Amino acid sequence: MKRDLMEILCCPVCKGDLELRVDVEKDEILEGSLFCKHCNHRYEIKDGIPDLLPPDFK
């Protein structure tokens, strides 16, 4: 996932801002998570792909 993507991403549940936590980064973010402070949901980033499915769909 490219860092520039953070400018357009929002929480799929409440449309709030997401906070980025990076665990592994090379040219782009490979592992980490996105956290919404408003609705307290966490979305994992694995292999550079953010999983933005709402918790009800998992």
N, C-alpha and C. Protein backbone atom coordinates (compact mmCIF):
# COMPACT_ATOMS: atom_id res chain seq x y z
N MET A 1 0.85 -1.17 0.00
CA MET A 1 0.00 0.00 0.00
C MET A 1 0.89 1.23 0.00
N LYS A 2 0.61 2.16 -0.84
CA LYS A 2 1.36 3.43 -0.89
C LYS A 2 0.83 4.38 0.19
N ARG A 3 1.72 5.16 0.78
CA ARG A 3 1.33 6.13 1.81
C ARG A 3 0.34 7.17 1.27
N ASP A 4 0.45 7.49 -0.02
CA ASP A 4 -0.46 8.48 -0.62
C ASP A 4 -1.92 8.06 -0.52
N LEU A 5 -2.16 6.77 -0.43
CA LEU A 5 -3.52 6.26 -0.34
C LEU A 5 -4.23 6.74 0.93
N MET A 6 -3.47 7.08 1.96
CA MET A 6 -4.05 7.55 3.22
C MET A 6 -4.88 8.82 3.04
N GLU A 7 -4.58 9.59 2.00
CA GLU A 7 -5.32 10.83 1.75
C GLU A 7 -6.78 10.57 1.37
N ILE A 8 -7.05 9.40 0.78
CA ILE A 8 -8.41 9.13 0.32
C ILE A 8 -9.13 8.04 1.11
N LEU A 9 -8.40 7.31 1.97
CA LEU A 9 -9.03 6.24 2.74
C LEU A 9 -9.81 6.80 3.93
N CYS A 10 -10.93 6.15 4.23
CA CYS A 10 -11.69 6.47 5.44
C CYS A 10 -12.30 5.18 5.96
N CYS A 11 -12.79 5.21 7.16
CA CYS A 11 -13.41 4.05 7.77
C CYS A 11 -14.67 3.68 6.98
N PRO A 12 -14.81 2.41 6.58
CA PRO A 12 -16.01 2.02 5.83
C PRO A 12 -17.28 1.99 6.69
N VAL A 13 -17.14 2.01 8.00
CA VAL A 13 -18.30 1.97 8.89
C VAL A 13 -18.84 3.37 9.16
N CYS A 14 -17.96 4.28 9.62
CA CYS A 14 -18.43 5.61 10.04
C CYS A 14 -17.88 6.75 9.18
N LYS A 15 -17.02 6.43 8.21
CA LYS A 15 -16.39 7.42 7.32
C LYS A 15 -15.40 8.33 8.05
N GLY A 16 -14.97 7.92 9.25
CA GLY A 16 -13.99 8.69 10.02
C GLY A 16 -12.58 8.50 9.49
N ASP A 17 -11.66 9.33 9.99
CA ASP A 17 -10.26 9.24 9.61
C ASP A 17 -9.63 7.97 10.19
N LEU A 18 -8.67 7.42 9.46
CA LEU A 18 -7.97 6.23 9.89
C LEU A 18 -6.55 6.58 10.32
N GLU A 19 -6.10 5.96 11.39
CA GLU A 19 -4.74 6.14 11.90
C GLU A 19 -3.90 4.97 11.42
N LEU A 20 -2.74 5.26 10.83
CA LEU A 20 -1.88 4.24 10.24
C LEU A 20 -0.84 3.76 11.25
N ARG A 21 -0.68 2.43 11.36
CA ARG A 21 0.40 1.83 12.14
C ARG A 21 1.17 0.91 11.20
N VAL A 22 2.45 1.17 11.03
CA VAL A 22 3.27 0.42 10.07
C VAL A 22 4.17 -0.55 10.83
N ASP A 23 4.13 -1.83 10.42
CA ASP A 23 5.02 -2.84 10.99
C ASP A 23 6.19 -3.13 10.04
N VAL A 24 5.91 -3.24 8.73
CA VAL A 24 6.94 -3.52 7.72
C VAL A 24 6.72 -2.58 6.54
N GLU A 25 7.81 -1.85 6.19
CA GLU A 25 7.73 -0.93 5.05
C GLU A 25 9.01 -1.02 4.25
N LYS A 26 8.87 -1.15 2.94
CA LYS A 26 10.01 -1.08 2.03
C LYS A 26 9.74 0.11 1.12
N ASP A 27 9.44 -0.10 -0.14
CA ASP A 27 9.04 1.00 -1.00
C ASP A 27 7.61 1.43 -0.69
N GLU A 28 6.83 0.51 -0.13
CA GLU A 28 5.46 0.80 0.29
C GLU A 28 5.17 0.03 1.58
N ILE A 29 4.03 0.26 2.17
CA ILE A 29 3.66 -0.38 3.42
C ILE A 29 3.22 -1.81 3.12
N LEU A 30 3.92 -2.78 3.72
CA LEU A 30 3.63 -4.19 3.47
C LEU A 30 2.79 -4.81 4.58
N GLU A 31 3.07 -4.44 5.82
CA GLU A 31 2.35 -4.99 6.97
C GLU A 31 2.04 -3.86 7.95
N GLY A 32 0.86 -3.93 8.55
CA GLY A 32 0.48 -2.92 9.54
C GLY A 32 -1.02 -2.96 9.75
N SER A 33 -1.55 -1.81 10.16
CA SER A 33 -3.00 -1.74 10.37
C SER A 33 -3.47 -0.29 10.26
N LEU A 34 -4.77 -0.18 10.06
CA LEU A 34 -5.47 1.11 10.02
C LEU A 34 -6.49 1.07 11.16
N PHE A 35 -6.53 2.12 11.97
CA PHE A 35 -7.41 2.14 13.13
C PHE A 35 -8.32 3.36 13.08
N CYS A 36 -9.61 3.14 13.33
CA CYS A 36 -10.58 4.24 13.40
C CYS A 36 -10.86 4.53 14.87
N LYS A 37 -10.53 5.73 15.32
CA LYS A 37 -10.76 6.13 16.70
C LYS A 37 -12.25 6.33 17.00
N HIS A 38 -13.01 6.68 15.97
CA HIS A 38 -14.43 6.98 16.18
C HIS A 38 -15.24 5.74 16.52
N CYS A 39 -15.06 4.67 15.76
CA CYS A 39 -15.87 3.46 15.99
C CYS A 39 -15.04 2.30 16.54
N ASN A 40 -13.74 2.54 16.78
CA ASN A 40 -12.86 1.57 17.45
C ASN A 40 -12.67 0.28 16.64
N HIS A 41 -12.63 0.38 15.32
CA HIS A 41 -12.38 -0.78 14.47
C HIS A 41 -10.94 -0.73 13.95
N ARG A 42 -10.34 -1.91 13.80
CA ARG A 42 -8.98 -2.03 13.26
C ARG A 42 -9.04 -2.85 11.98
N TYR A 43 -8.32 -2.37 10.97
CA TYR A 43 -8.27 -3.02 9.66
C TYR A 43 -6.81 -3.37 9.36
N GLU A 44 -6.56 -4.64 9.11
CA GLU A 44 -5.20 -5.12 8.89
C GLU A 44 -4.70 -4.81 7.48
N ILE A 45 -3.39 -4.61 7.37
CA ILE A 45 -2.70 -4.49 6.07
C ILE A 45 -1.77 -5.69 5.99
N LYS A 46 -1.99 -6.56 5.01
CA LYS A 46 -1.15 -7.75 4.83
C LYS A 46 -0.71 -7.82 3.38
N ASP A 47 0.56 -8.07 3.18
CA ASP A 47 1.14 -8.15 1.83
C ASP A 47 0.83 -6.89 1.02
N GLY A 48 0.78 -5.74 1.69
CA GLY A 48 0.56 -4.47 1.01
C GLY A 48 -0.88 -4.17 0.68
N ILE A 49 -1.82 -5.01 1.14
CA ILE A 49 -3.23 -4.83 0.80
C ILE A 49 -4.04 -4.55 2.06
N PRO A 50 -4.68 -3.38 2.14
CA PRO A 50 -5.53 -3.09 3.30
C PRO A 50 -6.86 -3.85 3.19
N ASP A 51 -7.24 -4.52 4.27
CA ASP A 51 -8.51 -5.26 4.32
C ASP A 51 -9.55 -4.34 4.97
N LEU A 52 -10.32 -3.64 4.15
CA LEU A 52 -11.27 -2.66 4.65
C LEU A 52 -12.70 -3.17 4.70
N LEU A 53 -12.86 -4.47 4.81
CA LEU A 53 -14.20 -5.03 5.00
C LEU A 53 -14.69 -4.67 6.39
N PRO A 54 -15.91 -4.18 6.51
CA PRO A 54 -16.46 -3.88 7.84
C PRO A 54 -16.50 -5.17 8.68
N PRO A 55 -16.36 -5.05 9.99
CA PRO A 55 -16.32 -6.23 10.87
C PRO A 55 -17.55 -7.14 10.71
N ASP A 56 -18.70 -6.61 10.37
CA ASP A 56 -19.90 -7.43 10.21
C ASP A 56 -19.81 -8.39 9.02
N PHE A 57 -18.90 -8.11 8.07
CA PHE A 57 -18.78 -8.92 6.87
C PHE A 57 -17.65 -9.95 6.95
N LYS A 58 -16.94 -9.98 8.06
CA LYS A 58 -15.81 -10.91 8.19
C LYS A 58 -16.24 -12.22 8.77
